[in-house]
Amino acid sequence: MKSPIPKTRRNALPNPEVVRDLYDRYHKGNHVPDAHVSSHWREYGQKIRLRLDQDGHPIEAIGYGFGDLQIHRVPYRVLSLMSMISQVIGSPDRGSLMRLMVAGWNVCRRSGLAFAQDAFRQVCSLAVIERHLSRKSRDERLAVLMIGDGYGFLASLFKERFPSSTIVLVDLGNILTFQSYYSQRAHPDKLHKVVSRGSGSDFPGVDFVYCPTELLARISDFSFDLAINIASMQEMTRDSVAMYFQFLRQRMAPDGLFYCCNRERKVLVGGEISDYREYAWHPKDVHLVDERCPWHKYYASFTTTANGPTVLGMRVPFVNYYDGPTWHRLSRLHTVG
């Protein structure tokens, strides 16, 4: 699928050199994935496409495997809306969800993305997180770590809700390039910087910081108030998951929160098994939310799979269950020195 990039919006990027830097490093055909890259992304990462014009602005952006936010077709948008409405009606938190949906729609409109089912699920997660953040945090400069944020929608939405925050996005470099582009379109009045091997580890006053996974140690000066991972640790190697947990235990603020929403069990294309219960949890971690995720039960699609709801023995069309259940936790991690 191609993401339309209107020419009238191309000059809106406040820091186009960030996109160019990541593009040069990860999209020019000479980048070899590091050992920590799972079989999932070794296969699906090859389907990601990005082309820049001579001024460094994307003229084609084709994401793959990190959400439906590039699908603008009207029939799919209608189907997605019906799925969202069905879940909002059944939610006890309808008011918060509707307010966040409006904010999310505005973020997608500015960035050129589609407010579809994956965006809605991230809205649901943010509603849970917001309930556990103090009221004064809206005016504080929170340091937030987004691990594997796809197109950068959740980072942009969080910035919309908490304008004073600093958002650090960490991901594989070829995916991070998309985040650096769409987040700039969503927030063209903010300061965006990228981490490189030669850059420092302190970013005072920066709104968005983009950090390739292999340079995680370069952001060790941060003390994070919040870290979020949604549906990407399930696609990592065990060593990568352990690396992130170790980093978080060293870099979370004393009252910091970690939100983790991933499949309970997933077998990757190379045969590796990702098991939520085998992540590097600690007996002293305090879980404020710890349950099967209620909005990761079903999704709408024009393809009806064998796995889905039935009525009177008849398969309900266009509504499918996921391949496996998803668990989410909002935790205060036991920290180390």
C-alpha atoms as a PDB file:
ATOM      1  CA  MET A   1       0.000   0.000   0.000  1.00  0.00           C
ATOM      2  CA  LYS A   2       1.244   3.518  -0.722  1.00  0.00           C
ATOM      3  CA  SER A   3       0.785   6.334   1.712  1.00  0.00           C
ATOM      4  CA  PRO A   4      -0.242   9.522  -0.123  1.00  0.00           C
ATOM      5  CA  ILE A   5       2.044  12.396   0.767  1.00  0.00           C
ATOM      6  CA  PRO A   6       0.508  15.692  -0.434  1.00  0.00           C
ATOM      7  CA  LYS A   7       3.037  18.135  -1.791  1.00  0.00           C
ATOM      8  CA  THR A   8       1.440  20.953   0.164  1.00  0.00           C
ATOM      9  CA  ARG A   9       2.505  19.270   3.417  1.00  0.00           C
ATOM     10  CA  ARG A  10       6.096  18.408   2.504  1.00  0.00           C
ATOM     11  CA  ASN A  11       7.534  21.705   3.658  1.00  0.00           C
ATOM     12  CA  ALA A  12       5.885  21.318   7.074  1.00  0.00           C
ATOM     13  CA  LEU A  13       8.692  19.196   8.517  1.00  0.00           C
ATOM     14  CA  PRO A  14      10.560  21.230  11.139  1.00  0.00           C
ATOM     15  CA  ASN A  15      13.649  18.982  11.100  1.00  0.00           C
ATOM     16  CA  PRO A  16      13.809  17.147   7.738  1.00  0.00           C
ATOM     17  CA  GLU A  17      17.456  16.276   8.381  1.00  0.00           C
ATOM     18  CA  VAL A  18      16.252  13.718  10.952  1.00  0.00           C
ATOM     19  CA  VAL A  19      14.393  11.757   8.255  1.00  0.00           C
ATOM     20  CA  ARG A  20      17.340  12.070   5.862  1.00  0.00           C
ATOM     21  CA  ASP A  21      19.797  10.833   8.493  1.00  0.00           C
ATOM     22  CA  LEU A  22      17.759   7.708   9.258  1.00  0.00           C
ATOM     23  CA  TYR A  23      17.038   7.120   5.571  1.00  0.00           C
ATOM     24  CA  ASP A  24      20.731   7.252   4.686  1.00  0.00           C
ATOM     25  CA  ARG A  25      21.583   4.830   7.472  1.00  0.00           C
ATOM     26  CA  TYR A  26      18.798   2.264   7.081  1.00  0.00           C
ATOM     27  CA  HIS A  27      17.156   2.457   3.645  1.00  0.00           C
ATOM     28  CA  LYS A  28      19.986   2.598   1.129  1.00  0.00           C
ATOM     29  CA  GLY A  29      20.567  -1.141   0.795  1.00  0.00           C
ATOM     30  CA  ASN A  30      23.860  -1.318   2.664  1.00  0.00           C
ATOM     31  CA  HIS A  31      22.476  -1.781   6.165  1.00  0.00           C
ATOM     32  CA  VAL A  32      22.820  -5.290   7.609  1.00  0.00           C
ATOM     33  CA  PRO A  33      20.398  -6.121  10.468  1.00  0.00           C
ATOM     34  CA  ASP A  34      22.067  -6.643  13.823  1.00  0.00           C
ATOM     35  CA  ALA A  35      22.041  -9.999  15.599  1.00  0.00           C
ATOM     36  CA  HIS A  36      19.243  -8.832  17.920  1.00  0.00           C
ATOM     37  CA  VAL A  37      16.770  -8.515  15.022  1.00  0.00           C
ATOM     38  CA  SER A  38      14.252 -11.368  15.183  1.00  0.00           C
ATOM     39  CA  SER A  39      13.294 -13.636  12.289  1.00  0.00           C
ATOM     40  CA  HIS A  40       9.979 -11.763  12.153  1.00  0.00           C
ATOM     41  CA  TRP A  41      11.612  -8.478  11.191  1.00  0.00           C
ATOM     42  CA  ARG A  42      14.316 -10.063   9.074  1.00  0.00           C
ATOM     43  CA  GLU A  43      11.484 -11.302   6.848  1.00  0.00           C
ATOM     44  CA  TYR A  44       8.872  -8.548   7.067  1.00  0.00           C
ATOM     45  CA  GLY A  45      11.384  -5.703   7.219  1.00  0.00           C
ATOM     46  CA  GLN A  46      12.314  -6.453   3.611  1.00  0.00           C
ATOM     47  CA  LYS A  47       8.832  -5.376   2.527  1.00  0.00           C
ATOM     48  CA  ILE A  48       9.182  -1.861   3.941  1.00  0.00           C
ATOM     49  CA  ARG A  49       9.699   0.757   1.242  1.00  0.00           C
ATOM     50  CA  LEU A  50      10.659   4.421   1.474  1.00  0.00           C
ATOM     51  CA  ARG A  51      11.760   6.897  -1.209  1.00  0.00           C
ATOM     52  CA  LEU A  52      12.783  10.515  -0.689  1.00  0.00           C
ATOM     53  CA  ASP A  53      12.773  13.389  -3.154  1.00  0.00           C
ATOM     54  CA  GLN A  54      15.809  15.600  -3.696  1.00  0.00           C
ATOM     55  CA  ASP A  55      14.795  17.800  -0.772  1.00  0.00           C
ATOM     56  CA  GLY A  56      14.712  14.862   1.616  1.00  0.00           C
ATOM     57  CA  HIS A  57      10.924  14.510   1.850  1.00  0.00           C
ATOM     58  CA  PRO A  58       9.215  11.120   1.337  1.00  0.00           C
ATOM     59  CA  ILE A  59       7.476  10.674  -2.006  1.00  0.00           C
ATOM     60  CA  GLU A  60       6.584   7.067  -1.221  1.00  0.00           C
ATOM     61  CA  ALA A  61       6.206   5.432   2.183  1.00  0.00           C
ATOM     62  CA  ILE A  62       5.094   1.810   2.396  1.00  0.00           C
ATOM     63  CA  GLY A  63       5.047   0.369   5.883  1.00  0.00           C
ATOM     64  CA  TYR A  64       4.551  -3.325   6.481  1.00  0.00           C
ATOM     65  CA  GLY A  65       3.724  -5.236   9.631  1.00  0.00           C
ATOM     66  CA  PHE A  66       3.186  -2.314  11.992  1.00  0.00           C
ATOM     67  CA  GLY A  67      -0.453  -1.402  11.704  1.00  0.00           C
ATOM     68  CA  ASP A  68      -3.316  -0.326   9.454  1.00  0.00           C
ATOM     69  CA  LEU A  69      -2.824   3.439   9.760  1.00  0.00           C
ATOM     70  CA  GLN A  70      -1.895   3.748   6.081  1.00  0.00           C
ATOM     71  CA  ILE A  71      -5.163   2.221   4.826  1.00  0.00           C
ATOM     72  CA  HIS A  72      -7.289   5.133   3.624  1.00  0.00           C
ATOM     73  CA  ARG A  73      -9.879   3.217   1.592  1.00  0.00           C
ATOM     74  CA  VAL A  74     -13.384   4.337   2.558  1.00  0.00           C
ATOM     75  CA  PRO A  75     -14.928   0.838   2.882  1.00  0.00           C
ATOM     76  CA  TYR A  76     -12.186  -0.174   5.305  1.00  0.00           C
ATOM     77  CA  ARG A  77     -12.574   3.068   7.262  1.00  0.00           C
ATOM     78  CA  VAL A  78     -16.315   2.363   7.612  1.00  0.00           C
ATOM     79  CA  LEU A  79     -15.646  -1.214   8.716  1.00  0.00           C
ATOM     80  CA  SER A  80     -13.080   0.028  11.241  1.00  0.00           C
ATOM     81  CA  LEU A  81     -15.518   2.602  12.590  1.00  0.00           C
ATOM     82  CA  MET A  82     -18.141  -0.059  13.159  1.00  0.00           C
ATOM     83  CA  SER A  83     -15.615  -2.149  15.080  1.00  0.00           C
ATOM     84  CA  MET A  84     -14.631   0.848  17.206  1.00  0.00           C
ATOM     85  CA  ILE A  85     -18.245   1.767  17.980  1.00  0.00           C
ATOM     86  CA  SER A  86     -19.005  -1.777  19.096  1.00  0.00           C
ATOM     87  CA  GLN A  87     -16.127  -1.668  21.567  1.00  0.00           C
ATOM     88  CA  VAL A  88     -16.832   1.853  22.854  1.00  0.00           C
ATOM     89  CA  ILE A  89     -20.472   0.929  23.570  1.00  0.00           C
ATOM     90  CA  GLY A  90     -19.338  -1.995  25.698  1.00  0.00           C
ATOM     91  CA  SER A  91     -16.669  -0.029  27.584  1.00  0.00           C
ATOM     92  CA  PRO A  92     -17.218   1.437  31.074  1.00  0.00           C
ATOM     93  CA  ASP A  93     -14.792   4.215  30.104  1.00  0.00           C
ATOM     94  CA  ARG A  94     -16.764   5.586  27.152  1.00  0.00           C
ATOM     95  CA  GLY A  95     -16.247   9.272  28.013  1.00  0.00           C
ATOM     96  CA  SER A  96     -12.445   9.068  28.129  1.00  0.00           C
ATOM     97  CA  LEU A  97     -12.318   6.938  24.999  1.00  0.00           C
ATOM     98  CA  MET A  98     -14.413   9.390  22.996  1.00  0.00           C
ATOM     99  CA  ARG A  99     -12.270  12.351  24.078  1.00  0.00           C
ATOM    100  CA  LEU A 100      -9.097  10.479  23.154  1.00  0.00           C
ATOM    101  CA  MET A 101     -10.603   9.370  19.845  1.00  0.00           C
ATOM    102  CA  VAL A 102     -11.193  13.002  18.882  1.00  0.00           C
ATOM    103  CA  ALA A 103      -7.597  13.862  19.797  1.00  0.00           C
ATOM    104  CA  GLY A 104      -6.352  10.788  17.894  1.00  0.00           C
ATOM    105  CA  TRP A 105      -8.373  11.699  14.815  1.00  0.00           C
ATOM    106  CA  ASN A 106      -6.809  15.183  14.828  1.00  0.00           C
ATOM    107  CA  VAL A 107      -3.316  13.703  15.120  1.00  0.00           C
ATOM    108  CA  CYS A 108      -3.985  11.373  12.178  1.00  0.00           C
ATOM    109  CA  ARG A 109      -5.443  14.197  10.104  1.00  0.00           C
ATOM    110  CA  ARG A 110      -2.318  16.334  10.560  1.00  0.00           C
ATOM    111  CA  SER A 111       0.094  13.471   9.955  1.00  0.00           C
ATOM    112  CA  GLY A 112      -1.707  12.003   6.951  1.00  0.00           C
ATOM    113  CA  LEU A 113      -2.510   8.694   8.626  1.00  0.00           C
ATOM    114  CA  ALA A 114      -5.858   6.917   8.910  1.00  0.00           C
ATOM    115  CA  PHE A 115      -7.591   6.677  12.261  1.00  0.00           C
ATOM    116  CA  ALA A 116      -8.331   2.953  12.063  1.00  0.00           C
ATOM    117  CA  GLN A 117      -8.403  -0.049  14.373  1.00  0.00           C
ATOM    118  CA  ASP A 118      -4.756  -0.010  15.471  1.00  0.00           C
ATOM    119  CA  ALA A 119      -5.028   3.660  16.389  1.00  0.00           C
ATOM    120  CA  PHE A 120      -8.171   2.907  18.403  1.00  0.00           C
ATOM    121  CA  ARG A 121      -6.432   0.149  20.352  1.00  0.00           C
ATOM    122  CA  GLN A 122      -3.645   2.543  21.287  1.00  0.00           C
ATOM    123  CA  VAL A 123      -6.292   5.055  22.388  1.00  0.00           C
ATOM    124  CA  CYS A 124      -7.693   2.376  24.719  1.00  0.00           C
ATOM    125  CA  SER A 125      -4.238   1.760  26.174  1.00  0.00           C
ATOM    126  CA  LEU A 126      -3.618   5.460  26.717  1.00  0.00           C
ATOM    127  CA  ALA A 127      -6.963   5.761  28.530  1.00  0.00           C
ATOM    128  CA  VAL A 128      -5.744   3.151  31.029  1.00  0.00           C
ATOM    129  CA  ILE A 129      -2.385   4.849  31.430  1.00  0.00           C
ATOM    130  CA  GLU A 130      -3.916   8.294  31.955  1.00  0.00           C
ATOM    131  CA  ARG A 131      -6.038   7.029  34.819  1.00  0.00           C
ATOM    132  CA  HIS A 132      -2.835   6.235  36.733  1.00  0.00           C
ATOM    133  CA  LEU A 133      -0.932   9.447  35.979  1.00  0.00           C
ATOM    134  CA  SER A 134      -1.174  12.260  38.492  1.00  0.00           C
ATOM    135  CA  ARG A 135      -3.082  15.366  37.457  1.00  0.00           C
ATOM    136  CA  LYS A 136      -0.038  17.586  37.871  1.00  0.00           C
ATOM    137  CA  SER A 137       1.872  15.481  35.326  1.00  0.00           C
ATOM    138  CA  ARG A 138       0.039  17.251  32.488  1.00  0.00           C
ATOM    139  CA  ASP A 139       2.066  20.386  33.258  1.00  0.00           C
ATOM    140  CA  GLU A 140       5.348  18.626  34.024  1.00  0.00           C
ATOM    141  CA  ARG A 141       8.014  17.718  31.483  1.00  0.00           C
ATOM    142  CA  LEU A 142       7.543  13.976  31.575  1.00  0.00           C
ATOM    143  CA  ALA A 143      10.206  11.797  29.996  1.00  0.00           C
ATOM    144  CA  VAL A 144       8.437   9.030  28.053  1.00  0.00           C
ATOM    145  CA  LEU A 145      10.014   6.041  26.310  1.00  0.00           C
ATOM    146  CA  MET A 146       8.070   4.564  23.376  1.00  0.00           C
ATOM    147  CA  ILE A 147       9.429   1.140  22.400  1.00  0.00           C
ATOM    148  CA  GLY A 148       8.331   0.008  18.937  1.00  0.00           C
ATOM    149  CA  ASP A 149       5.708   2.637  18.065  1.00  0.00           C
ATOM    150  CA  GLY A 150       5.113   1.708  14.413  1.00  0.00           C
ATOM    151  CA  TYR A 151       4.112   4.921  12.637  1.00  0.00           C
ATOM    152  CA  GLY A 152       4.612   7.025  15.764  1.00  0.00           C
ATOM    153  CA  PHE A 153       0.900   7.549  16.369  1.00  0.00           C
ATOM    154  CA  LEU A 154       0.935   6.875  20.110  1.00  0.00           C
ATOM    155  CA  ALA A 155       3.937   9.153  20.633  1.00  0.00           C
ATOM    156  CA  SER A 156       2.170  11.945  18.747  1.00  0.00           C
ATOM    157  CA  LEU A 157      -1.077  11.373  20.628  1.00  0.00           C
ATOM    158  CA  PHE A 158       0.695  11.427  23.987  1.00  0.00           C
ATOM    159  CA  LYS A 159       2.378  14.721  23.014  1.00  0.00           C
ATOM    160  CA  GLU A 160      -1.052  16.075  22.102  1.00  0.00           C
ATOM    161  CA  ARG A 161      -2.326  15.201  25.572  1.00  0.00           C
ATOM    162  CA  PHE A 162       0.831  16.127  27.490  1.00  0.00           C
ATOM    163  CA  PRO A 163       2.410  19.006  25.540  1.00  0.00           C
ATOM    164  CA  SER A 164       5.312  19.498  27.958  1.00  0.00           C
ATOM    165  CA  SER A 165       6.576  15.934  27.671  1.00  0.00           C
ATOM    166  CA  THR A 166       9.757  14.703  26.001  1.00  0.00           C
ATOM    167  CA  ILE A 167       9.098  11.602  23.903  1.00  0.00           C
ATOM    168  CA  VAL A 168      11.949   9.198  23.144  1.00  0.00           C
ATOM    169  CA  LEU A 169      11.121   6.700  20.402  1.00  0.00           C
ATOM    170  CA  VAL A 170      13.259   3.544  20.149  1.00  0.00           C
ATOM    171  CA  ASP A 171      12.892   1.094  17.279  1.00  0.00           C
ATOM    172  CA  LEU A 172      14.663  -0.651  14.440  1.00  0.00           C
ATOM    173  CA  GLY A 173      16.143   2.052  12.238  1.00  0.00           C
ATOM    174  CA  ASN A 174      14.088   1.385   9.107  1.00  0.00           C
ATOM    175  CA  ILE A 175      10.837   1.596  11.098  1.00  0.00           C
ATOM    176  CA  LEU A 176      12.035   4.551  13.171  1.00  0.00           C
ATOM    177  CA  THR A 177      12.331   6.535   9.924  1.00  0.00           C
ATOM    178  CA  PHE A 178       8.548   6.370   9.532  1.00  0.00           C
ATOM    179  CA  GLN A 179       8.094   7.574  13.106  1.00  0.00           C
ATOM    180  CA  SER A 180      10.413  10.520  12.510  1.00  0.00           C
ATOM    181  CA  TYR A 181       8.392  11.556   9.471  1.00  0.00           C
ATOM    182  CA  TYR A 182       4.818  11.138  10.707  1.00  0.00           C
ATOM    183  CA  SER A 183       5.540  12.589  14.157  1.00  0.00           C
ATOM    184  CA  GLN A 184       6.967  15.707  12.523  1.00  0.00           C
ATOM    185  CA  ARG A 185       3.877  16.075  10.384  1.00  0.00           C
ATOM    186  CA  ALA A 186       1.707  15.723  13.481  1.00  0.00           C
ATOM    187  CA  HIS A 187       3.820  18.212  15.456  1.00  0.00           C
ATOM    188  CA  PRO A 188       5.537  20.609  13.038  1.00  0.00           C
ATOM    189  CA  ASP A 189       6.012  23.214  15.780  1.00  0.00           C
ATOM    190  CA  LYS A 190       8.151  20.928  17.956  1.00  0.00           C
ATOM    191  CA  LEU A 191      11.874  20.151  18.085  1.00  0.00           C
ATOM    192  CA  HIS A 192      12.901  16.730  16.723  1.00  0.00           C
ATOM    193  CA  LYS A 193      16.381  15.178  17.058  1.00  0.00           C
ATOM    194  CA  VAL A 194      17.955  11.856  16.143  1.00  0.00           C
ATOM    195  CA  VAL A 195      20.510   9.837  18.098  1.00  0.00           C
ATOM    196  CA  SER A 196      23.686   8.901  16.249  1.00  0.00           C
ATOM    197  CA  ARG A 197      26.944   7.286  17.299  1.00  0.00           C
ATOM    198  CA  GLY A 198      28.565  10.689  17.445  1.00  0.00           C
ATOM    199  CA  SER A 199      25.778  12.498  19.305  1.00  0.00           C
ATOM    200  CA  GLY A 200      25.653  13.220  23.001  1.00  0.00           C
ATOM    201  CA  SER A 201      23.268  11.513  25.382  1.00  0.00           C
ATOM    202  CA  ASP A 202      21.563  14.652  26.678  1.00  0.00           C
ATOM    203  CA  PHE A 203      18.742  16.363  24.771  1.00  0.00           C
ATOM    204  CA  PRO A 204      17.545  19.363  26.817  1.00  0.00           C
ATOM    205  CA  GLY A 205      14.352  20.965  25.561  1.00  0.00           C
ATOM    206  CA  VAL A 206      13.866  18.467  22.729  1.00  0.00           C
ATOM    207  CA  ASP A 207      10.283  17.278  22.166  1.00  0.00           C
ATOM    208  CA  PHE A 208      10.920  14.108  20.134  1.00  0.00           C
ATOM    209  CA  VAL A 209      14.109  12.041  20.232  1.00  0.00           C
ATOM    210  CA  TYR A 210      14.541   9.168  17.751  1.00  0.00           C
ATOM    211  CA  CYS A 211      16.898   6.404  18.885  1.00  0.00           C
ATOM    212  CA  PRO A 212      17.781   3.298  16.820  1.00  0.00           C
ATOM    213  CA  THR A 213      17.681   0.147  18.933  1.00  0.00           C
ATOM    214  CA  GLU A 214      21.413  -0.508  18.764  1.00  0.00           C
ATOM    215  CA  LEU A 215      22.104   2.963  20.216  1.00  0.00           C
ATOM    216  CA  LEU A 216      19.927   2.509  23.307  1.00  0.00           C
ATOM    217  CA  ALA A 217      22.900   3.171  25.594  1.00  0.00           C
ATOM    218  CA  ARG A 218      23.188   6.683  24.109  1.00  0.00           C
ATOM    219  CA  ILE A 219      20.046   7.788  25.987  1.00  0.00           C
ATOM    220  CA  SER A 220      21.243   6.583  29.377  1.00  0.00           C
ATOM    221  CA  ASP A 221      21.048  10.105  30.861  1.00  0.00           C
ATOM    222  CA  PHE A 222      17.249   9.993  30.835  1.00  0.00           C
ATOM    223  CA  SER A 223      15.190   9.063  33.871  1.00  0.00           C
ATOM    224  CA  PHE A 224      11.872   7.912  32.423  1.00  0.00           C
ATOM    225  CA  ASP A 225       8.528   8.634  34.064  1.00  0.00           C
ATOM    226  CA  LEU A 226       6.713   6.322  31.682  1.00  0.00           C
ATOM    227  CA  ALA A 227       7.640   3.584  29.206  1.00  0.00           C
ATOM    228  CA  ILE A 228       5.223   1.970  26.758  1.00  0.00           C
ATOM    229  CA  ASN A 229       5.421  -1.121  24.582  1.00  0.00           C
ATOM    230  CA  ILE A 230       2.418  -2.320  22.584  1.00  0.00           C
ATOM    231  CA  ALA A 231       2.511  -5.399  20.345  1.00  0.00           C
ATOM    232  CA  SER A 232       6.213  -5.303  19.542  1.00  0.00           C
ATOM    233  CA  MET A 233       8.002  -7.230  22.287  1.00  0.00           C
ATOM    234  CA  GLN A 234       5.996 -10.183  20.970  1.00  0.00           C
ATOM    235  CA  GLU A 235       8.064  -9.850  17.766  1.00  0.00           C
ATOM    236  CA  MET A 236      11.494  -9.527  19.428  1.00  0.00           C
ATOM    237  CA  THR A 237      14.129 -12.044  20.371  1.00  0.00           C
ATOM    238  CA  ARG A 238      14.298 -13.057  24.025  1.00  0.00           C
ATOM    239  CA  ASP A 239      17.651 -11.281  24.326  1.00  0.00           C
ATOM    240  CA  SER A 240      16.135  -8.049  23.027  1.00  0.00           C
ATOM    241  CA  VAL A 241      13.248  -8.213  25.499  1.00  0.00           C
ATOM    242  CA  ALA A 242      15.695  -8.878  28.338  1.00  0.00           C
ATOM    243  CA  MET A 243      17.838  -5.940  27.183  1.00  0.00           C
ATOM    244  CA  TYR A 244      14.874  -3.557  27.359  1.00  0.00           C
ATOM    245  CA  PHE A 245      13.840  -4.776  30.805  1.00  0.00           C
ATOM    246  CA  GLN A 246      17.380  -4.324  32.086  1.00  0.00           C
ATOM    247  CA  PHE A 247      17.494  -0.816  30.631  1.00  0.00           C
ATOM    248  CA  LEU A 248      14.151   0.092  32.186  1.00  0.00           C
ATOM    249  CA  ARG A 249      15.142  -1.188  35.621  1.00  0.00           C
ATOM    250  CA  GLN A 250      18.164   1.097  35.488  1.00  0.00           C
ATOM    251  CA  ARG A 251      16.528   4.167  33.929  1.00  0.00           C
ATOM    252  CA  MET A 252      12.961   4.376  35.327  1.00  0.00           C
ATOM    253  CA  ALA A 253      12.132   7.149  37.806  1.00  0.00           C
ATOM    254  CA  PRO A 254      11.219   5.910  41.327  1.00  0.00           C
ATOM    255  CA  ASP A 255       7.464   6.201  40.624  1.00  0.00           C
ATOM    256  CA  GLY A 256       7.778   5.487  36.912  1.00  0.00           C
ATOM    257  CA  LEU A 257       5.249   3.301  35.097  1.00  0.00           C
ATOM    258  CA  PHE A 258       5.795   0.662  32.424  1.00  0.00           C
ATOM    259  CA  TYR A 259       2.861  -0.345  30.213  1.00  0.00           C
ATOM    260  CA  CYS A 260       3.343  -3.640  28.373  1.00  0.00           C
ATOM    261  CA  CYS A 261       0.626  -4.994  26.045  1.00  0.00           C
ATOM    262  CA  ASN A 262       1.611  -8.076  24.032  1.00  0.00           C
ATOM    263  CA  ARG A 263       0.434 -11.491  22.905  1.00  0.00           C
ATOM    264  CA  GLU A 264       0.601 -14.105  25.646  1.00  0.00           C
ATOM    265  CA  ARG A 265       2.390 -16.472  23.294  1.00  0.00           C
ATOM    266  CA  LYS A 266       3.548 -16.069  19.713  1.00  0.00           C
ATOM    267  CA  VAL A 267       5.634 -18.296  17.441  1.00  0.00           C
ATOM    268  CA  LEU A 268       7.758 -16.223  15.067  1.00  0.00           C
ATOM    269  CA  VAL A 269       8.462 -17.190  11.465  1.00  0.00           C
ATOM    270  CA  GLY A 270      11.875 -18.582  12.444  1.00  0.00           C
ATOM    271  CA  GLY A 271      10.406 -20.798  15.133  1.00  0.00           C
ATOM    272  CA  GLU A 272      11.320 -18.626  18.130  1.00  0.00           C
ATOM    273  CA  ILE A 273       8.671 -18.535  20.838  1.00  0.00           C
ATOM    274  CA  SER A 274       7.738 -15.249  22.497  1.00  0.00           C
ATOM    275  CA  ASP A 275       6.054 -15.852  25.863  1.00  0.00           C
ATOM    276  CA  TYR A 276       4.737 -12.908  27.899  1.00  0.00           C
ATOM    277  CA  ARG A 277       5.150 -14.774  31.188  1.00  0.00           C
ATOM    278  CA  GLU A 278       8.813 -15.412  30.387  1.00  0.00           C
ATOM    279  CA  TYR A 279       9.670 -11.737  29.975  1.00  0.00           C
ATOM    280  CA  ALA A 280      12.139 -10.526  32.595  1.00  0.00           C
ATOM    281  CA  TRP A 281       9.526  -9.759  35.241  1.00  0.00           C
ATOM    282  CA  HIS A 282      10.637  -9.551  38.873  1.00  0.00           C
ATOM    283  CA  PRO A 283       8.726 -10.739  41.982  1.00  0.00           C
ATOM    284  CA  LYS A 284       9.009  -7.197  43.383  1.00  0.00           C
ATOM    285  CA  ASP A 285       7.345  -5.576  40.362  1.00  0.00           C
ATOM    286  CA  VAL A 286       4.051  -3.925  41.351  1.00  0.00           C
ATOM    287  CA  HIS A 287       1.264  -4.402  38.786  1.00  0.00           C
ATOM    288  CA  LEU A 288      -1.463  -1.744  38.881  1.00  0.00           C
ATOM    289  CA  VAL A 289      -3.197  -3.378  35.913  1.00  0.00           C
ATOM    290  CA  ASP A 290      -2.697  -7.078  35.211  1.00  0.00           C
ATOM    291  CA  GLU A 291      -5.270  -8.772  32.975  1.00  0.00           C
ATOM    292  CA  ARG A 292      -6.144 -10.109  29.560  1.00  0.00           C
ATOM    293  CA  CYS A 293      -6.512  -7.066  27.309  1.00  0.00           C
ATOM    294  CA  PRO A 294     -10.237  -6.490  26.621  1.00  0.00           C
ATOM    295  CA  TRP A 295      -9.823  -4.601  23.322  1.00  0.00           C
ATOM    296  CA  HIS A 296      -7.480  -7.130  21.720  1.00  0.00           C
ATOM    297  CA  LYS A 297     -10.208  -9.759  21.350  1.00  0.00           C
ATOM    298  CA  TYR A 298     -11.419  -9.250  17.775  1.00  0.00           C
ATOM    299  CA  TYR A 299     -10.870  -7.129  14.692  1.00  0.00           C
ATOM    300  CA  ALA A 300     -12.864  -6.325  11.565  1.00  0.00           C
ATOM    301  CA  SER A 301     -11.629  -7.339   8.126  1.00  0.00           C
ATOM    302  CA  PHE A 302     -13.021  -7.984   4.656  1.00  0.00           C
ATOM    303  CA  THR A 303     -11.433 -11.430   4.966  1.00  0.00           C
ATOM    304  CA  THR A 304     -13.379 -13.785   7.213  1.00  0.00           C
ATOM    305  CA  THR A 305     -11.053 -16.324   8.825  1.00  0.00           C
ATOM    306  CA  ALA A 306     -12.026 -19.644  10.395  1.00  0.00           C
ATOM    307  CA  ASN A 307     -11.448 -18.216  13.868  1.00  0.00           C
ATOM    308  CA  GLY A 308     -14.223 -15.852  14.932  1.00  0.00           C
ATOM    309  CA  PRO A 309     -17.602 -15.443  16.642  1.00  0.00           C
ATOM    310  CA  THR A 310     -20.636 -17.482  15.650  1.00  0.00           C
ATOM    311  CA  VAL A 311     -24.382 -16.949  16.075  1.00  0.00           C
ATOM    312  CA  LEU A 312     -26.663 -20.005  15.954  1.00  0.00           C
ATOM    313  CA  GLY A 313     -23.781 -21.955  14.554  1.00  0.00           C
ATOM    314  CA  MET A 314     -23.218 -19.466  11.715  1.00  0.00           C
ATOM    315  CA  ARG A 315     -19.909 -17.648  11.401  1.00  0.00           C
ATOM    316  CA  VAL A 316     -20.279 -13.850  11.809  1.00  0.00           C
ATOM    317  CA  PRO A 317     -18.723 -12.381   8.639  1.00  0.00           C
ATOM    318  CA  PHE A 318     -15.913  -9.793   8.664  1.00  0.00           C
ATOM    319  CA  VAL A 319     -15.216 -10.223  12.410  1.00  0.00           C
ATOM    320  CA  ASN A 320     -12.182 -12.307  13.375  1.00  0.00           C
ATOM    321  CA  TYR A 321     -10.463 -13.321  16.572  1.00  0.00           C
ATOM    322  CA  TYR A 322      -6.717 -12.805  16.913  1.00  0.00           C
ATOM    323  CA  ASP A 323      -4.417 -15.805  16.648  1.00  0.00           C
ATOM    324  CA  GLY A 324      -3.984 -15.707  20.407  1.00  0.00           C
ATOM    325  CA  PRO A 325      -4.957 -13.684  23.497  1.00  0.00           C
ATOM    326  CA  THR A 326      -3.130 -10.505  24.518  1.00  0.00           C
ATOM    327  CA  TRP A 327      -2.143  -9.543  28.064  1.00  0.00           C
ATOM    328  CA  HIS A 328      -1.470  -6.064  29.387  1.00  0.00           C
ATOM    329  CA  ARG A 329       0.212  -4.807  32.532  1.00  0.00           C
ATOM    330  CA  LEU A 330       0.810  -1.349  33.936  1.00  0.00           C
ATOM    331  CA  SER A 331       3.635  -1.776  36.395  1.00  0.00           C
ATOM    332  CA  ARG A 332       6.092  -0.093  38.678  1.00  0.00           C
ATOM    333  CA  LEU A 333       9.215  -2.069  37.953  1.00  0.00           C
ATOM    334  CA  HIS A 334      11.639  -3.062  40.660  1.00  0.00           C
ATOM    335  CA  THR A 335      14.631  -0.863  39.846  1.00  0.00           C
ATOM    336  CA  VAL A 336      18.343  -1.499  40.305  1.00  0.00           C
ATOM    337  CA  GLY A 337      21.245   0.915  40.970  1.00  0.00           C
END
